[in-house]
Amino acid sequence: MCKCFEEQERRRDDGGCRSIRAPVSCDLCGDNAAVYCEADTAFLCRKCDRWVHSANFLARRHLRRVICTTCRRLTHRFLVGDNFSVVLPESKDKDTN
C-alpha cells in the first residue's frame, strides 16, 4: 500500500495524494512521469525534469510536485532546483487551539 494512501486513510481528508490523477507518461519523451511542474504545466520523467529545470536560473526556481509511484497521484511533496534529491518537506497544517 502506498504511503499516500495510508496517510489519506489516517487523516480522512485529502491526505498525502491529491484527488487529481496524474497521467502516467512524460509530456516530452513518453516515459513514466515522476513530477508535475505547474509553471510549465507539464508532467515530466526524471531525465526530462533534470534537462528542463537545469536550463537556467529561472527554471531552477520552479516547484514541482512529486507523483506517487504507487497510486500515480500528485503528492504534497515538492522538488526545487535541477537535482532530484532536493525535496522540500510536506507542509503540515497545525492546530492553533
PDB file of N, CA and C in Angstrom:
ATOM      1  N   MET A   1       0.853  -1.184   0.000  1.00  0.00           N
ATOM      2  CA  MET A   1       0.000   0.000   0.000  1.00  0.00           C
ATOM      3  C   MET A   1       0.893   1.239   0.000  1.00  0.00           C
ATOM      4  N   CYS A   2       0.542   2.248  -0.784  1.00  0.00           N
ATOM      5  CA  CYS A   2       1.400   3.426  -0.881  1.00  0.00           C
ATOM      6  C   CYS A   2       1.279   4.313   0.352  1.00  0.00           C
ATOM      7  N   LYS A   3       2.342   5.031   0.648  1.00  0.00           N
ATOM      8  CA  LYS A   3       2.380   5.931   1.796  1.00  0.00           C
ATOM      9  C   LYS A   3       1.271   6.980   1.696  1.00  0.00           C
ATOM     10  N   CYS A   4       1.006   7.443   0.485  1.00  0.00           N
ATOM     11  CA  CYS A   4      -0.031   8.448   0.279  1.00  0.00           C
ATOM     12  C   CYS A   4      -1.388   7.917   0.691  1.00  0.00           C
ATOM     13  N   PHE A   5      -1.674   6.668   0.328  1.00  0.00           N
ATOM     14  CA  PHE A   5      -2.947   6.066   0.672  1.00  0.00           C
ATOM     15  C   PHE A   5      -3.070   5.887   2.170  1.00  0.00           C
ATOM     16  N   GLU A   6      -1.988   5.435   2.830  1.00  0.00           N
ATOM     17  CA  GLU A   6      -2.010   5.258   4.279  1.00  0.00           C
ATOM     18  C   GLU A   6      -2.270   6.577   4.984  1.00  0.00           C
ATOM     19  N   GLU A   7      -1.609   7.638   4.537  1.00  0.00           N
ATOM     20  CA  GLU A   7      -1.806   8.946   5.145  1.00  0.00           C
ATOM     21  C   GLU A   7      -3.226   9.427   4.904  1.00  0.00           C
ATOM     22  N   GLN A   8      -3.752   9.168   3.730  1.00  0.00           N
ATOM     23  CA  GLN A   8      -5.108   9.589   3.395  1.00  0.00           C
ATOM     24  C   GLN A   8      -6.104   8.891   4.308  1.00  0.00           C
ATOM     25  N   GLU A   9      -5.920   7.611   4.542  1.00  0.00           N
ATOM     26  CA  GLU A   9      -6.804   6.866   5.425  1.00  0.00           C
ATOM     27  C   GLU A   9      -6.709   7.378   6.861  1.00  0.00           C
ATOM     28  N   ARG A  10      -5.486   7.662   7.302  1.00  0.00           N
ATOM     29  CA  ARG A  10      -5.282   8.112   8.678  1.00  0.00           C
ATOM     30  C   ARG A  10      -5.903   9.480   8.916  1.00  0.00           C
ATOM     31  N   ARG A  11      -5.735  10.400   7.969  1.00  0.00           N
ATOM     32  CA  ARG A  11      -6.193  11.766   8.164  1.00  0.00           C
ATOM     33  C   ARG A  11      -7.646  11.977   7.771  1.00  0.00           C
ATOM     34  N   ARG A  12      -8.189  11.098   6.942  1.00  0.00           N
ATOM     35  CA  ARG A  12      -9.571  11.187   6.487  1.00  0.00           C
ATOM     36  C   ARG A  12      -9.892  12.521   5.835  1.00  0.00           C
ATOM     37  N   ASP A  13      -8.902  13.104   5.195  1.00  0.00           N
ATOM     38  CA  ASP A  13      -9.136  14.298   4.383  1.00  0.00           C
ATOM     39  C   ASP A  13      -8.409  14.070   3.070  1.00  0.00           C
ATOM     40  N   ASP A  14      -7.862  15.101   2.463  1.00  0.00           N
ATOM     41  CA  ASP A  14      -7.203  14.929   1.172  1.00  0.00           C
ATOM     42  C   ASP A  14      -5.910  14.136   1.282  1.00  0.00           C
ATOM     43  N   GLY A  15      -5.415  13.938   2.506  1.00  0.00           N
ATOM     44  CA  GLY A  15      -4.277  13.065   2.755  1.00  0.00           C
ATOM     45  C   GLY A  15      -3.032  13.438   1.994  1.00  0.00           C
ATOM     46  N   GLY A  16      -2.204  12.442   1.697  1.00  0.00           N
ATOM     47  CA  GLY A  16      -0.948  12.672   1.012  1.00  0.00           C
ATOM     48  C   GLY A  16      -1.099  12.855  -0.481  1.00  0.00           C
ATOM     49  N   CYS A  17      -2.184  12.382  -1.058  1.00  0.00           N
ATOM     50  CA  CYS A  17      -2.363  12.468  -2.504  1.00  0.00           C
ATOM     51  C   CYS A  17      -3.522  13.386  -2.836  1.00  0.00           C
ATOM     52  N   ARG A  18      -3.386  14.077  -3.923  1.00  0.00           N
ATOM     53  CA  ARG A  18      -4.467  14.918  -4.418  1.00  0.00           C
ATOM     54  C   ARG A  18      -5.475  14.038  -5.139  1.00  0.00           C
ATOM     55  N   SER A  19      -6.683  14.531  -5.282  1.00  0.00           N
ATOM     56  CA  SER A  19      -7.714  13.757  -5.951  1.00  0.00           C
ATOM     57  C   SER A  19      -7.536  13.747  -7.465  1.00  0.00           C
ATOM     58  N   ILE A  20      -6.656  14.588  -7.991  1.00  0.00           N
ATOM     59  CA  ILE A  20      -6.416  14.638  -9.424  1.00  0.00           C
ATOM     60  C   ILE A  20      -5.421  13.548  -9.793  1.00  0.00           C
ATOM     61  N   ARG A  21      -5.784  12.688 -10.716  1.00  0.00           N
ATOM     62  CA  ARG A  21      -4.849  11.645 -11.161  1.00  0.00           C
ATOM     63  C   ARG A  21      -3.902  12.221 -12.202  1.00  0.00           C
ATOM     64  N   ALA A  22      -2.634  11.957 -12.012  1.00  0.00           N
ATOM     65  CA  ALA A  22      -1.620  12.416 -12.961  1.00  0.00           C
ATOM     66  C   ALA A  22      -1.484  11.400 -14.082  1.00  0.00           C
ATOM     67  N   PRO A  23      -1.280  11.861 -15.296  1.00  0.00           N
ATOM     68  CA  PRO A  23      -1.058  10.895 -16.370  1.00  0.00           C
ATOM     69  C   PRO A  23       0.243  10.148 -16.140  1.00  0.00           C
ATOM     70  N   VAL A  24       0.344   8.969 -16.672  1.00  0.00           N
ATOM     71  CA  VAL A  24       1.498   8.115 -16.449  1.00  0.00           C
ATOM     72  C   VAL A  24       2.690   8.565 -17.274  1.00  0.00           C
ATOM     73  N   SER A  25       2.466   9.181 -18.433  1.00  0.00           N
ATOM     74  CA  SER A  25       3.580   9.450 -19.330  1.00  0.00           C
ATOM     75  C   SER A  25       4.101  10.882 -19.261  1.00  0.00           C
ATOM     76  N   CYS A  26       5.397  11.000 -19.498  1.00  0.00           N
ATOM     77  CA  CYS A  26       6.086  12.283 -19.571  1.00  0.00           C
ATOM     78  C   CYS A  26       5.625  13.016 -20.827  1.00  0.00           C
ATOM     79  N   ASP A  27       5.368  14.320 -20.709  1.00  0.00           N
ATOM     80  CA  ASP A  27       4.916  15.114 -21.854  1.00  0.00           C
ATOM     81  C   ASP A  27       5.985  15.259 -22.940  1.00  0.00           C
ATOM     82  N   LEU A  28       7.247  15.065 -22.590  1.00  0.00           N
ATOM     83  CA  LEU A  28       8.316  15.235 -23.575  1.00  0.00           C
ATOM     84  C   LEU A  28       8.742  13.934 -24.246  1.00  0.00           C
ATOM     85  N   CYS A  29       8.954  12.881 -23.455  1.00  0.00           N
ATOM     86  CA  CYS A  29       9.518  11.655 -24.042  1.00  0.00           C
ATOM     87  C   CYS A  29       8.592  10.452 -23.987  1.00  0.00           C
ATOM     88  N   GLY A  30       7.539  10.509 -23.181  1.00  0.00           N
ATOM     89  CA  GLY A  30       6.606   9.401 -23.094  1.00  0.00           C
ATOM     90  C   GLY A  30       6.914   8.386 -22.011  1.00  0.00           C
ATOM     91  N   ASP A  31       8.054   8.502 -21.315  1.00  0.00           N
ATOM     92  CA  ASP A  31       8.361   7.601 -20.196  1.00  0.00           C
ATOM     93  C   ASP A  31       7.420   7.902 -19.029  1.00  0.00           C
ATOM     94  N   ASN A  32       7.533   7.125 -17.955  1.00  0.00           N
ATOM     95  CA  ASN A  32       6.695   7.361 -16.775  1.00  0.00           C
ATOM     96  C   ASN A  32       7.015   8.711 -16.156  1.00  0.00           C
ATOM     97  N   ALA A  33       5.994   9.508 -15.921  1.00  0.00           N
ATOM     98  CA  ALA A  33       6.177  10.818 -15.299  1.00  0.00           C
ATOM     99  C   ALA A  33       6.497  10.647 -13.821  1.00  0.00           C
ATOM    100  N   ALA A  34       7.374  11.498 -13.309  1.00  0.00           N
ATOM    101  CA  ALA A  34       7.757  11.467 -11.900  1.00  0.00           C
ATOM    102  C   ALA A  34       7.344  12.734 -11.169  1.00  0.00           C
ATOM    103  N   VAL A  35       7.186  13.842 -11.902  1.00  0.00           N
ATOM    104  CA  VAL A  35       6.825  15.126 -11.304  1.00  0.00           C
ATOM    105  C   VAL A  35       5.859  15.884 -12.207  1.00  0.00           C
ATOM    106  N   TYR A  36       5.181  16.855 -11.589  1.00  0.00           N
ATOM    107  CA  TYR A  36       4.344  17.789 -12.342  1.00  0.00           C
ATOM    108  C   TYR A  36       4.846  19.192 -12.043  1.00  0.00           C
ATOM    109  N   CYS A  37       5.175  19.945 -13.084  1.00  0.00           N
ATOM    110  CA  CYS A  37       5.616  21.327 -12.930  1.00  0.00           C
ATOM    111  C   CYS A  37       4.447  22.234 -13.299  1.00  0.00           C
ATOM    112  N   GLU A  38       3.928  22.932 -12.308  1.00  0.00           N
ATOM    113  CA  GLU A  38       2.790  23.810 -12.542  1.00  0.00           C
ATOM    114  C   GLU A  38       3.175  24.997 -13.418  1.00  0.00           C
ATOM    115  N   ALA A  39       4.384  25.521 -13.230  1.00  0.00           N
ATOM    116  CA  ALA A  39       4.834  26.668 -14.022  1.00  0.00           C
ATOM    117  C   ALA A  39       4.908  26.329 -15.508  1.00  0.00           C
ATOM    118  N   ASP A  40       5.295  25.099 -15.821  1.00  0.00           N
ATOM    119  CA  ASP A  40       5.384  24.659 -17.209  1.00  0.00           C
ATOM    120  C   ASP A  40       4.130  23.906 -17.653  1.00  0.00           C
ATOM    121  N   THR A  41       3.213  23.662 -16.712  1.00  0.00           N
ATOM    122  CA  THR A  41       2.033  22.809 -16.944  1.00  0.00           C
ATOM    123  C   THR A  41       2.432  21.532 -17.685  1.00  0.00           C
ATOM    124  N   ALA A  42       3.423  20.838 -17.096  1.00  0.00           N
ATOM    125  CA  ALA A  42       3.953  19.643 -17.751  1.00  0.00           C
ATOM    126  C   ALA A  42       4.215  18.530 -16.743  1.00  0.00           C
ATOM    127  N   PHE A  43       3.906  17.305 -17.151  1.00  0.00           N
ATOM    128  CA  PHE A  43       4.293  16.113 -16.422  1.00  0.00           C
ATOM    129  C   PHE A  43       5.611  15.656 -17.027  1.00  0.00           C
ATOM    130  N   LEU A  44       6.605  15.385 -16.164  1.00  0.00           N
ATOM    131  CA  LEU A  44       7.952  15.066 -16.644  1.00  0.00           C
ATOM    132  C   LEU A  44       8.521  13.847 -15.945  1.00  0.00           C
ATOM    133  N   CYS A  45       9.318  13.062 -16.671  1.00  0.00           N
ATOM    134  CA  CYS A  45      10.079  11.983 -16.052  1.00  0.00           C
ATOM    135  C   CYS A  45      11.316  12.618 -15.400  1.00  0.00           C
ATOM    136  N   ARG A  46      12.091  11.829 -14.682  1.00  0.00           N
ATOM    137  CA  ARG A  46      13.279  12.369 -14.002  1.00  0.00           C
ATOM    138  C   ARG A  46      14.278  12.965 -14.986  1.00  0.00           C
ATOM    139  N   LYS A  47      14.533  12.254 -16.081  1.00  0.00           N
ATOM    140  CA  LYS A  47      15.529  12.717 -17.057  1.00  0.00           C
ATOM    141  C   LYS A  47      15.101  14.047 -17.688  1.00  0.00           C
ATOM    142  N   CYS A  48      13.866  14.138 -18.126  1.00  0.00           N
ATOM    143  CA  CYS A  48      13.382  15.369 -18.759  1.00  0.00           C
ATOM    144  C   CYS A  48      13.261  16.505 -17.741  1.00  0.00           C
ATOM    145  N   ASP A  49      12.870  16.178 -16.506  1.00  0.00           N
ATOM    146  CA  ASP A  49      12.790  17.189 -15.457  1.00  0.00           C
ATOM    147  C   ASP A  49      14.159  17.807 -15.212  1.00  0.00           C
ATOM    148  N   ARG A  50      15.181  16.980 -15.133  1.00  0.00           N
ATOM    149  CA  ARG A  50      16.547  17.473 -14.926  1.00  0.00           C
ATOM    150  C   ARG A  50      16.983  18.354 -16.100  1.00  0.00           C
ATOM    151  N   TRP A  51      16.664  17.922 -17.320  1.00  0.00           N
ATOM    152  CA  TRP A  51      17.038  18.676 -18.516  1.00  0.00           C
ATOM    153  C   TRP A  51      16.319  20.023 -18.567  1.00  0.00           C
ATOM    154  N   VAL A  52      15.002  20.024 -18.336  1.00  0.00           N
ATOM    155  CA  VAL A  52      14.208  21.254 -18.406  1.00  0.00           C
ATOM    156  C   VAL A  52      14.597  22.228 -17.298  1.00  0.00           C
ATOM    157  N   HIS A  53      14.754  21.721 -16.079  1.00  0.00           N
ATOM    158  CA  HIS A  53      14.963  22.608 -14.941  1.00  0.00           C
ATOM    159  C   HIS A  53      16.431  22.915 -14.646  1.00  0.00           C
ATOM    160  N   SER A  54      17.326  22.486 -15.514  1.00  0.00           N
ATOM    161  CA  SER A  54      18.723  22.915 -15.411  1.00  0.00           C
ATOM    162  C   SER A  54      19.045  23.924 -16.516  1.00  0.00           C
ATOM    163  N   ALA A  55      18.034  24.319 -17.281  1.00  0.00           N
ATOM    164  CA  ALA A  55      18.239  25.224 -18.423  1.00  0.00           C
ATOM    165  C   ALA A  55      18.760  26.595 -18.005  1.00  0.00           C
ATOM    166  N   ASN A  56      18.222  27.161 -16.938  1.00  0.00           N
ATOM    167  CA  ASN A  56      18.658  28.481 -16.485  1.00  0.00           C
ATOM    168  C   ASN A  56      18.211  28.711 -15.044  1.00  0.00           C
ATOM    169  N   PHE A  57      18.628  29.833 -14.463  1.00  0.00           N
ATOM    170  CA  PHE A  57      18.328  30.081 -13.055  1.00  0.00           C
ATOM    171  C   PHE A  57      16.835  30.270 -12.803  1.00  0.00           C
ATOM    172  N   LEU A  58      16.079  30.720 -13.778  1.00  0.00           N
ATOM    173  CA  LEU A  58      14.631  30.877 -13.600  1.00  0.00           C
ATOM    174  C   LEU A  58      13.932  29.522 -13.550  1.00  0.00           C
ATOM    175  N   ALA A  59      14.326  28.614 -14.427  1.00  0.00           N
ATOM    176  CA  ALA A  59      13.731  27.275 -14.436  1.00  0.00           C
ATOM    177  C   ALA A  59      14.071  26.513 -13.155  1.00  0.00           C
ATOM    178  N   ARG A  60      15.252  26.750 -12.594  1.00  0.00           N
ATOM    179  CA  ARG A  60      15.643  26.077 -11.349  1.00  0.00           C
ATOM    180  C   ARG A  60      14.781  26.503 -10.167  1.00  0.00           C
ATOM    181  N   ARG A  61      14.080  27.612 -10.274  1.00  0.00           N
ATOM    182  CA  ARG A  61      13.200  28.085  -9.197  1.00  0.00           C
ATOM    183  C   ARG A  61      11.835  27.396  -9.182  1.00  0.00           C
ATOM    184  N   HIS A  62      11.482  26.700 -10.260  1.00  0.00           N
ATOM    185  CA  HIS A  62      10.160  26.071 -10.351  1.00  0.00           C
ATOM    186  C   HIS A  62       9.976  25.010  -9.279  1.00  0.00           C
ATOM    187  N   LEU A  63       8.842  25.054  -8.602  1.00  0.00           N
ATOM    188  CA  LEU A  63       8.462  23.993  -7.676  1.00  0.00           C
ATOM    189  C   LEU A  63       7.735  22.928  -8.470  1.00  0.00           C
ATOM    190  N   ARG A  64       8.128  21.677  -8.265  1.00  0.00           N
ATOM    191  CA  ARG A  64       7.471  20.571  -8.935  1.00  0.00           C
ATOM    192  C   ARG A  64       6.896  19.613  -7.916  1.00  0.00           C
ATOM    193  N   ARG A  65       5.706  19.108  -8.191  1.00  0.00           N
ATOM    194  CA  ARG A  65       5.035  18.159  -7.304  1.00  0.00           C
ATOM    195  C   ARG A  65       5.440  16.743  -7.674  1.00  0.00           C
ATOM    196  N   VAL A  66       5.793  15.971  -6.670  1.00  0.00           N
ATOM    197  CA  VAL A  66       6.178  14.582  -6.873  1.00  0.00           C
ATOM    198  C   VAL A  66       4.922  13.741  -7.096  1.00  0.00           C
ATOM    199  N   ILE A  67       4.992  12.813  -8.042  1.00  0.00           N
ATOM    200  CA  ILE A  67       3.894  11.891  -8.308  1.00  0.00           C
ATOM    201  C   ILE A  67       4.163  10.598  -7.554  1.00  0.00           C
ATOM    202  N   CYS A  68       3.173  10.117  -6.824  1.00  0.00           N
ATOM    203  CA  CYS A  68       3.295   8.857  -6.088  1.00  0.00           C
ATOM    204  C   CYS A  68       3.493   7.722  -7.089  1.00  0.00           C
ATOM    205  N   THR A  69       4.507   6.897  -6.856  1.00  0.00           N
ATOM    206  CA  THR A  69       4.818   5.816  -7.792  1.00  0.00           C
ATOM    207  C   THR A  69       3.794   4.678  -7.718  1.00  0.00           C
ATOM    208  N   THR A  70       3.033   4.609  -6.642  1.00  0.00           N
ATOM    209  CA  THR A  70       2.053   3.539  -6.485  1.00  0.00           C
ATOM    210  C   THR A  70       0.680   3.923  -7.011  1.00  0.00           C
ATOM    211  N   CYS A  71       0.145   5.032  -6.507  1.00  0.00           N
ATOM    212  CA  CYS A  71      -1.220   5.401  -6.891  1.00  0.00           C
ATOM    213  C   CYS A  71      -1.267   6.380  -8.058  1.00  0.00           C
ATOM    214  N   ARG A  72      -0.090   6.913  -8.484  1.00  0.00           N
ATOM    215  CA  ARG A  72       0.035   7.826  -9.627  1.00  0.00           C
ATOM    216  C   ARG A  72      -0.710   9.137  -9.427  1.00  0.00           C
ATOM    217  N   ARG A  73      -0.852   9.565  -8.179  1.00  0.00           N
ATOM    218  CA  ARG A  73      -1.489  10.841  -7.873  1.00  0.00           C
ATOM    219  C   ARG A  73      -0.431  11.841  -7.427  1.00  0.00           C
ATOM    220  N   LEU A  74      -0.778  13.124  -7.494  1.00  0.00           N
ATOM    221  CA  LEU A  74       0.130  14.170  -7.029  1.00  0.00           C
ATOM    222  C   LEU A  74       0.185  14.148  -5.509  1.00  0.00           C
ATOM    223  N   THR A  75       1.399  14.183  -4.962  1.00  0.00           N
ATOM    224  CA  THR A  75       1.574  14.189  -3.514  1.00  0.00           C
ATOM    225  C   THR A  75       1.746  15.624  -3.026  1.00  0.00           C
ATOM    226  N   HIS A  76       1.946  15.781  -1.730  1.00  0.00           N
ATOM    227  CA  HIS A  76       2.221  17.088  -1.139  1.00  0.00           C
ATOM    228  C   HIS A  76       3.724  17.296  -0.973  1.00  0.00           C
ATOM    229  N   ARG A  77       4.538  16.539  -1.695  1.00  0.00           N
ATOM    230  CA  ARG A  77       5.991  16.688  -1.667  1.00  0.00           C
ATOM    231  C   ARG A  77       6.415  17.470  -2.897  1.00  0.00           C
ATOM    232  N   PHE A  78       7.392  18.356  -2.705  1.00  0.00           N
ATOM    233  CA  PHE A  78       7.823  19.245  -3.773  1.00  0.00           C
ATOM    234  C   PHE A  78       9.317  19.139  -4.016  1.00  0.00           C
ATOM    235  N   LEU A  79       9.717  19.373  -5.257  1.00  0.00           N
ATOM    236  CA  LEU A  79      11.117  19.477  -5.636  1.00  0.00           C
ATOM    237  C   LEU A  79      11.390  20.908  -6.057  1.00  0.00           C
ATOM    238  N   VAL A  80      12.618  21.342  -5.829  1.00  0.00           N
ATOM    239  CA  VAL A  80      13.056  22.646  -6.316  1.00  0.00           C
ATOM    240  C   VAL A  80      14.486  22.488  -6.785  1.00  0.00           C
ATOM    241  N   GLY A  81      14.874  23.221  -7.809  1.00  0.00           N
ATOM    242  CA  GLY A  81      16.227  23.106  -8.344  1.00  0.00           C
ATOM    243  C   GLY A  81      16.295  22.100  -9.473  1.00  0.00           C
ATOM    244  N   ASP A  82      17.524  21.827  -9.929  1.00  0.00           N
ATOM    245  CA  ASP A  82      17.694  20.912 -11.048  1.00  0.00           C
ATOM    246  C   ASP A  82      18.153  19.527 -10.611  1.00  0.00           C
ATOM    247  N   ASN A  83      18.164  19.273  -9.307  1.00  0.00           N
ATOM    248  CA  ASN A  83      18.599  18.000  -8.779  1.00  0.00           C
ATOM    249  C   ASN A  83      17.418  17.292  -8.126  1.00  0.00           C
ATOM    250  N   PHE A  84      17.201  16.043  -8.481  1.00  0.00           N
ATOM    251  CA  PHE A  84      16.046  15.305  -7.972  1.00  0.00           C
ATOM    252  C   PHE A  84      16.161  14.987  -6.483  1.00  0.00           C
ATOM    253  N   SER A  85      17.328  15.174  -5.880  1.00  0.00           N
ATOM    254  CA  SER A  85      17.483  14.851  -4.466  1.00  0.00           C
ATOM    255  C   SER A  85      17.048  15.982  -3.540  1.00  0.00           C
ATOM    256  N   VAL A  86      16.728  17.141  -4.085  1.00  0.00           N
ATOM    257  CA  VAL A  86      16.296  18.270  -3.261  1.00  0.00           C
ATOM    258  C   VAL A  86      14.783  18.216  -3.130  1.00  0.00           C
ATOM    259  N   VAL A  87      14.308  17.665  -2.025  1.00  0.00           N
ATOM    260  CA  VAL A  87      12.872  17.533  -1.793  1.00  0.00           C
ATOM    261  C   VAL A  87      12.501  18.393  -0.593  1.00  0.00           C
ATOM    262  N   LEU A  88      11.558  19.277  -0.804  1.00  0.00           N
ATOM    263  CA  LEU A  88      11.060  20.092   0.297  1.00  0.00           C
ATOM    264  C   LEU A  88      10.122  19.251   1.144  1.00  0.00           C
ATOM    265  N   PRO A  89      10.109  19.475   2.475  1.00  0.00           N
ATOM    266  CA  PRO A  89       9.208  18.699   3.330  1.00  0.00           C
ATOM    267  C   PRO A  89       7.745  19.017   3.040  1.00  0.00           C
ATOM    268  N   GLU A  90       6.900  18.070   3.396  1.00  0.00           N
ATOM    269  CA  GLU A  90       5.473  18.287   3.244  1.00  0.00           C
ATOM    270  C   GLU A  90       5.035  19.399   4.181  1.00  0.00           C
ATOM    271  N   SER A  91       4.100  20.228   3.735  1.00  0.00           N
ATOM    272  CA  SER A  91       3.563  21.267   4.603  1.00  0.00           C
ATOM    273  C   SER A  91       2.477  20.641   5.463  1.00  0.00           C
ATOM    274  N   LYS A  92       2.489  20.965   6.722  1.00  0.00           N
ATOM    275  CA  LYS A  92       1.515  20.422   7.677  1.00  0.00           C
ATOM    276  C   LYS A  92       0.695  21.575   8.243  1.00  0.00           C
ATOM    277  N   ASP A  93      -0.614  21.420   8.228  1.00  0.00           N
ATOM    278  CA  ASP A  93      -1.469  22.404   8.877  1.00  0.00           C
ATOM    279  C   ASP A  93      -1.458  22.114  10.357  1.00  0.00           C
ATOM    280  N   LYS A  94      -1.191  23.144  11.149  1.00  0.00           N
ATOM    281  CA  LYS A  94      -1.106  22.957  12.598  1.00  0.00           C
ATOM    282  C   LYS A  94      -2.307  23.607  13.263  1.00  0.00           C
ATOM    283  N   ASP A  95      -2.863  22.897  14.249  1.00  0.00           N
ATOM    284  CA  ASP A  95      -3.946  23.475  15.021  1.00  0.00           C
ATOM    285  C   ASP A  95      -3.405  24.532  15.957  1.00  0.00           C
ATOM    286  N   THR A  96      -4.092  25.642  16.051  1.00  0.00           N
ATOM    287  CA  THR A  96      -3.680  26.710  16.964  1.00  0.00           C
ATOM    288  C   THR A  96      -4.502  26.682  18.230  1.00  0.00           C
ATOM    289  N   ASN A  97      -5.364  25.661  18.382  1.00  0.00           N
ATOM    290  CA  ASN A  97      -6.212  25.561  19.598  1.00  0.00           C
ATOM    291  C   ASN A  97      -5.453  24.955  20.729  1.00  0.00           C
TER     292      ASN A  97
END
